[in-house]
């Protein structure tokens, strides 16, 4: 978790970054901004840092695994270690964003480069560098009095509670490419991925959060897409497997792959099929997951949203199944109509 109650903005620079492909200019400021007003500082800290939860972390990467060649890794190291003036490095960051964000649909925006001190990550004090891009302008109204007559003026600017894109580079694990948290509120179109993939060039950090998230995703894909290709299974059986998958992660603090397989699939042929699917999925998607790891409750909570067990019957009924496969039976009457019989003890 990230705590910024005692955080201090040490330095802040802002640059206007247009889209080079669309012949828009980059406007580099001459100097950084001194944030001395306490109210402004509080608003900025809330704007920059509130969207981050600190659970899902990444590392800088680069082609060939040579993280030292990642330009942003170099700029961060210059700020943390080398003593090169902060504003000079902020200009390099803005210029690099201008050079790589070339898709014509990428919006221009204001790039904030910030150095924080006394930020706390998992209750440990840490210094960090923040990169924040505001791409969307919002309208706001101002009510004024002119000689006793009220008037309304309108303008547009940055919404102080709607961060578009953000990145926090924590001064930890430099050898692995620093710890990094990101925010990206844009849509999921290909051109919108430039922040994470092209500009920052990140890879998931191999920790409990990523392992939990990745393995739950593999289990979901197997149960939903693959198992019915190899075995005669009813929809209700698939849903029970999905429920058992989530329950395993909710009820345990640590993960053991063999234990998970036996608990969820309960059949040697299915377990063997899952292991083959698991290996192929990891290879195709370049995923590395340990067979034993600490389970992240935050990752379980996030992934559980995608494990909804809904039985859709024509366009008439949606049946939510939360467990206990024995309380629902599937059948067919003499007229060929299919039905489900549901047993229960209480009606709410």
Foldseek 3Di string as FASTA:
>chain_A
DKDCPPKDWPWKAKWWAAAVLVVDDTGGDPGTDDDDDPVVRVLQCLLAPVVFDLPWKWFAADPPRPSCPQVVLVLVCCVPPVPDDNSVSVVVLRVLCNVFLHDPPDAIWMWMWTWMFQMARVNHTWIKIKIFTDRDKDKDKDWDADVNRIDIDMDIDGDSNDTAKMKIFTPPDSVRHGIMDIDHPDDDDPSSCCRDCPSRNIDTDQAQLVQQLVVLVLQLCCLVPPPVVPDDDDLLLSLQLLLQLLVVLVVDQKAAQVVSLCRRVVDPVVSVVSVVSVVVVCVVVVHDHDNMHTHDPVSSVVCVVVSFSWDDDPPPDIDTDNHDSVQKDWDADPVRRIDIHGDDDDDD
